[in-house]
Amino acid sequence: MAFRFPLQTLLRLRETLEHQEELRLQEAQKCVTRLQIEMQSLEKDLVDLAADEKRELSSGLTAAELQFGVLRRLLLLAERSRLQDQLAEAERLRDLSKDALNHARQQRQIVERLRTRQLEIYLRQQVRQEQARADDLFLMRRAVRRPS
């Protein structure tokens, strides 16, 4: 008789749930990475703006140009603040996703350990049964060979 794990359906469910959590974590990480790249680009824009302002100030600016530069800087700083908030939220969601994945993995591992233990018990029983059959066969042969 082949080994049959009665909780095989539960094990498959746990594997599926773990896989779904892995996918969610990957998506959360992609979002964090995208926002980090946007933040780096924005920081580069701010550095470039500062260099442009320094160069333009040394060559002389009109009040309108100076005001435009200040407005541009304010917009970039507001965008940086928005991105920082989004990044913090994305990192929080990624951390929650990691926790959910760890929990799903632990739940699957519990069921897998149970399956492994039941398989070991099954195999030990099979060995015992084989030994009992071999012992019975030996005793029957011995009884047949021995004259009464």
C-alpha atoms as a PDB file:
ATOM      1  CA  MET A   1       0.000   0.000   0.000  1.00  0.00           C
ATOM      2  CA  ALA A   2       1.462   3.351  -1.060  1.00  0.00           C
ATOM      3  CA  PHE A   3       1.931   6.209   1.381  1.00  0.00           C
ATOM      4  CA  ARG A   4      -0.986   8.607   1.427  1.00  0.00           C
ATOM      5  CA  PHE A   5      -0.720  11.884   3.324  1.00  0.00           C
ATOM      6  CA  PRO A   6      -4.226  12.859   4.478  1.00  0.00           C
ATOM      7  CA  LEU A   7      -3.306  16.550   4.629  1.00  0.00           C
ATOM      8  CA  GLN A   8      -1.835  16.722   1.112  1.00  0.00           C
ATOM      9  CA  THR A   9      -4.502  19.228   0.068  1.00  0.00           C
ATOM     10  CA  LEU A  10      -3.593  21.450   3.004  1.00  0.00           C
ATOM     11  CA  LEU A  11       0.084  21.208   2.062  1.00  0.00           C
ATOM     12  CA  ARG A  12      -0.690  22.278  -1.519  1.00  0.00           C
ATOM     13  CA  LEU A  13      -2.777  25.167  -0.173  1.00  0.00           C
ATOM     14  CA  ARG A  14       0.099  26.277   2.084  1.00  0.00           C
ATOM     15  CA  GLU A  15       2.511  26.098  -0.871  1.00  0.00           C
ATOM     16  CA  THR A  16       0.130  28.185  -2.981  1.00  0.00           C
ATOM     17  CA  LEU A  17      -0.294  30.771  -0.240  1.00  0.00           C
ATOM     18  CA  GLU A  18       3.470  31.001   0.202  1.00  0.00           C
ATOM     19  CA  HIS A  19       3.921  31.482  -3.549  1.00  0.00           C
ATOM     20  CA  GLN A  20       1.305  34.261  -3.553  1.00  0.00           C
ATOM     21  CA  GLU A  21       3.108  36.008  -0.710  1.00  0.00           C
ATOM     22  CA  GLU A  22       6.386  35.709  -2.624  1.00  0.00           C
ATOM     23  CA  LEU A  23       4.751  37.411  -5.609  1.00  0.00           C
ATOM     24  CA  ARG A  24       3.353  40.172  -3.396  1.00  0.00           C
ATOM     25  CA  LEU A  25       6.793  40.734  -1.894  1.00  0.00           C
ATOM     26  CA  GLN A  26       8.341  40.944  -5.357  1.00  0.00           C
ATOM     27  CA  GLU A  27       5.774  43.564  -6.379  1.00  0.00           C
ATOM     28  CA  ALA A  28       6.362  45.537  -3.186  1.00  0.00           C
ATOM     29  CA  GLN A  29      10.117  45.425  -3.782  1.00  0.00           C
ATOM     30  CA  LYS A  30       9.639  46.587  -7.377  1.00  0.00           C
ATOM     31  CA  CYS A  31       7.640  49.556  -6.101  1.00  0.00           C
ATOM     32  CA  VAL A  32      10.345  50.438  -3.560  1.00  0.00           C
ATOM     33  CA  THR A  33      13.038  50.163  -6.218  1.00  0.00           C
ATOM     34  CA  ARG A  34      11.068  52.320  -8.662  1.00  0.00           C
ATOM     35  CA  LEU A  35      10.589  55.011  -6.024  1.00  0.00           C
ATOM     36  CA  GLN A  36      14.273  54.883  -5.068  1.00  0.00           C
ATOM     37  CA  ILE A  37      15.221  55.394  -8.709  1.00  0.00           C
ATOM     38  CA  GLU A  38      12.799  58.321  -8.958  1.00  0.00           C
ATOM     39  CA  MET A  39      14.301  59.772  -5.779  1.00  0.00           C
ATOM     40  CA  GLN A  40      17.835  59.453  -7.158  1.00  0.00           C
ATOM     41  CA  SER A  41      16.768  61.157 -10.371  1.00  0.00           C
ATOM     42  CA  LEU A  42      15.121  63.952  -8.405  1.00  0.00           C
ATOM     43  CA  GLU A  43      18.226  64.407  -6.255  1.00  0.00           C
ATOM     44  CA  LYS A  44      20.292  64.653  -9.441  1.00  0.00           C
ATOM     45  CA  ASP A  45      17.861  67.277 -10.767  1.00  0.00           C
ATOM     46  CA  LEU A  46      18.300  69.273  -7.553  1.00  0.00           C
ATOM     47  CA  VAL A  47      22.096  69.114  -7.835  1.00  0.00           C
ATOM     48  CA  ASP A  48      21.906  70.140 -11.496  1.00  0.00           C
ATOM     49  CA  LEU A  49      19.575  73.003 -10.604  1.00  0.00           C
ATOM     50  CA  ALA A  50      21.962  74.247  -7.930  1.00  0.00           C
ATOM     51  CA  ALA A  51      24.845  74.140 -10.422  1.00  0.00           C
ATOM     52  CA  ASP A  52      22.750  75.999 -13.022  1.00  0.00           C
ATOM     53  CA  GLU A  53      21.747  78.646 -10.482  1.00  0.00           C
ATOM     54  CA  LYS A  54      25.350  79.161  -9.415  1.00  0.00           C
ATOM     55  CA  ARG A  55      26.473  79.540 -13.019  1.00  0.00           C
ATOM     56  CA  GLU A  56      23.576  81.867 -13.883  1.00  0.00           C
ATOM     57  CA  LEU A  57      24.092  83.999 -10.768  1.00  0.00           C
ATOM     58  CA  SER A  58      27.691  84.624 -11.730  1.00  0.00           C
ATOM     59  CA  SER A  59      26.627  85.702 -15.238  1.00  0.00           C
ATOM     60  CA  GLY A  60      23.784  87.901 -14.001  1.00  0.00           C
ATOM     61  CA  LEU A  61      20.044  87.195 -13.811  1.00  0.00           C
ATOM     62  CA  THR A  62      16.871  89.167 -14.102  1.00  0.00           C
ATOM     63  CA  ALA A  63      14.429  89.141 -11.204  1.00  0.00           C
ATOM     64  CA  ALA A  64      12.010  87.024 -13.247  1.00  0.00           C
ATOM     65  CA  GLU A  65      14.680  84.418 -13.959  1.00  0.00           C
ATOM     66  CA  LEU A  66      15.668  84.345 -10.305  1.00  0.00           C
ATOM     67  CA  GLN A  67      12.033  83.966  -9.252  1.00  0.00           C
ATOM     68  CA  PHE A  68      11.541  81.184 -11.802  1.00  0.00           C
ATOM     69  CA  GLY A  69      14.568  79.350 -10.388  1.00  0.00           C
ATOM     70  CA  VAL A  70      13.225  79.646  -6.837  1.00  0.00           C
ATOM     71  CA  LEU A  71       9.838  78.352  -7.965  1.00  0.00           C
ATOM     72  CA  ARG A  72      11.493  75.454  -9.778  1.00  0.00           C
ATOM     73  CA  ARG A  73      13.496  74.588  -6.639  1.00  0.00           C
ATOM     74  CA  LEU A  74      10.343  74.716  -4.496  1.00  0.00           C
ATOM     75  CA  LEU A  75       8.540  72.377  -6.887  1.00  0.00           C
ATOM     76  CA  LEU A  76      11.438  69.916  -6.846  1.00  0.00           C
ATOM     77  CA  LEU A  77      11.587  70.045  -3.035  1.00  0.00           C
ATOM     78  CA  ALA A  78       7.827  69.431  -2.822  1.00  0.00           C
ATOM     79  CA  GLU A  79       8.211  66.512  -5.226  1.00  0.00           C
ATOM     80  CA  ARG A  80      11.059  65.129  -3.086  1.00  0.00           C
ATOM     81  CA  SER A  81       8.883  65.361   0.020  1.00  0.00           C
ATOM     82  CA  ARG A  82       6.055  63.532  -1.776  1.00  0.00           C
ATOM     83  CA  LEU A  83       8.450  60.833  -2.990  1.00  0.00           C
ATOM     84  CA  GLN A  84       9.915  60.422   0.502  1.00  0.00           C
ATOM     85  CA  ASP A  85       6.414  59.850   1.875  1.00  0.00           C
ATOM     86  CA  GLN A  86       5.604  57.372  -0.885  1.00  0.00           C
ATOM     87  CA  LEU A  87       8.913  55.580  -0.366  1.00  0.00           C
ATOM     88  CA  ALA A  88       8.346  55.307   3.379  1.00  0.00           C
ATOM     89  CA  GLU A  89       4.882  53.831   2.772  1.00  0.00           C
ATOM     90  CA  ALA A  90       6.190  51.434   0.113  1.00  0.00           C
ATOM     91  CA  GLU A  91       8.944  50.265   2.468  1.00  0.00           C
ATOM     92  CA  ARG A  92       6.366  49.745   5.228  1.00  0.00           C
ATOM     93  CA  LEU A  93       4.212  47.669   2.864  1.00  0.00           C
ATOM     94  CA  ARG A  94       7.287  45.703   1.751  1.00  0.00           C
ATOM     95  CA  ASP A  95       8.139  44.942   5.378  1.00  0.00           C
ATOM     96  CA  LEU A  96       4.578  43.789   6.018  1.00  0.00           C
ATOM     97  CA  SER A  97       4.809  41.618   2.917  1.00  0.00           C
ATOM     98  CA  LYS A  98       8.061  40.080   4.211  1.00  0.00           C
ATOM     99  CA  ASP A  99       6.346  39.279   7.494  1.00  0.00           C
ATOM    100  CA  ALA A 100       3.401  37.707   5.663  1.00  0.00           C
ATOM    101  CA  LEU A 101       5.784  35.620   3.545  1.00  0.00           C
ATOM    102  CA  ASN A 102       7.668  34.438   6.620  1.00  0.00           C
ATOM    103  CA  HIS A 103       4.392  33.468   8.276  1.00  0.00           C
ATOM    104  CA  ALA A 104       3.176  31.607   5.176  1.00  0.00           C
ATOM    105  CA  ARG A 105       6.549  29.830   4.912  1.00  0.00           C
ATOM    106  CA  GLN A 106       6.377  28.755   8.566  1.00  0.00           C
ATOM    107  CA  GLN A 107       2.851  27.426   8.088  1.00  0.00           C
ATOM    108  CA  ARG A 108       3.944  25.404   5.055  1.00  0.00           C
ATOM    109  CA  GLN A 109       6.996  24.074   6.876  1.00  0.00           C
ATOM    110  CA  ILE A 110       4.833  22.900   9.774  1.00  0.00           C
ATOM    111  CA  VAL A 111       2.666  20.846   7.429  1.00  0.00           C
ATOM    112  CA  GLU A 112       5.760  19.548   5.590  1.00  0.00           C
ATOM    113  CA  ARG A 113       7.339  18.423   8.866  1.00  0.00           C
ATOM    114  CA  LEU A 114       4.113  16.644   9.753  1.00  0.00           C
ATOM    115  CA  ARG A 115       4.158  14.918   6.354  1.00  0.00           C
ATOM    116  CA  THR A 116       7.805  13.909   6.834  1.00  0.00           C
ATOM    117  CA  ARG A 117       7.071  12.434  10.261  1.00  0.00           C
ATOM    118  CA  GLN A 118       4.080  10.511   8.948  1.00  0.00           C
ATOM    119  CA  LEU A 119       6.175   9.208   6.048  1.00  0.00           C
ATOM    120  CA  GLU A 120       8.879   8.056   8.461  1.00  0.00           C
ATOM    121  CA  ILE A 121       6.277   6.258  10.585  1.00  0.00           C
ATOM    122  CA  TYR A 122       4.819   4.662   7.457  1.00  0.00           C
ATOM    123  CA  LEU A 123       8.252   3.481   6.303  1.00  0.00           C
ATOM    124  CA  ARG A 124       9.061   2.020   9.733  1.00  0.00           C
ATOM    125  CA  GLN A 125       5.738   0.162   9.678  1.00  0.00           C
ATOM    126  CA  GLN A 126       6.519  -1.159   6.203  1.00  0.00           C
ATOM    127  CA  VAL A 127       9.910  -2.430   7.399  1.00  0.00           C
ATOM    128  CA  ARG A 128       8.277  -4.094  10.422  1.00  0.00           C
ATOM    129  CA  GLN A 129       5.659  -5.734   8.227  1.00  0.00           C
ATOM    130  CA  GLU A 130       8.330  -6.989   5.823  1.00  0.00           C
ATOM    131  CA  GLN A 131      10.324  -8.356   8.746  1.00  0.00           C
ATOM    132  CA  ALA A 132       7.221 -10.041  10.166  1.00  0.00           C
ATOM    133  CA  ARG A 133       6.515 -11.657   6.772  1.00  0.00           C
ATOM    134  CA  ALA A 134      10.110 -12.806   6.502  1.00  0.00           C
ATOM    135  CA  ASP A 135       9.965 -14.249  10.039  1.00  0.00           C
ATOM    136  CA  ASP A 136       6.681 -16.033   9.284  1.00  0.00           C
ATOM    137  CA  LEU A 137       8.110 -17.448   6.068  1.00  0.00           C
ATOM    138  CA  PHE A 138      11.208 -18.652   7.902  1.00  0.00           C
ATOM    139  CA  LEU A 139       9.106 -20.323  10.605  1.00  0.00           C
ATOM    140  CA  MET A 140       6.853 -21.983   8.010  1.00  0.00           C
ATOM    141  CA  ARG A 141       9.867 -23.348   6.102  1.00  0.00           C
ATOM    142  CA  ARG A 142      11.427 -24.552   9.300  1.00  0.00           C
ATOM    143  CA  ALA A 143       8.199 -26.292  10.309  1.00  0.00           C
ATOM    144  CA  VAL A 144       7.971 -27.967   6.892  1.00  0.00           C
ATOM    145  CA  ARG A 145      11.576 -29.232   7.074  1.00  0.00           C
ATOM    146  CA  ARG A 146      11.290 -30.588  10.580  1.00  0.00           C
ATOM    147  CA  PRO A 147       9.718 -34.030  10.815  1.00  0.00           C
ATOM    148  CA  SER A 148       7.050 -34.269  13.463  1.00  0.00           C
END
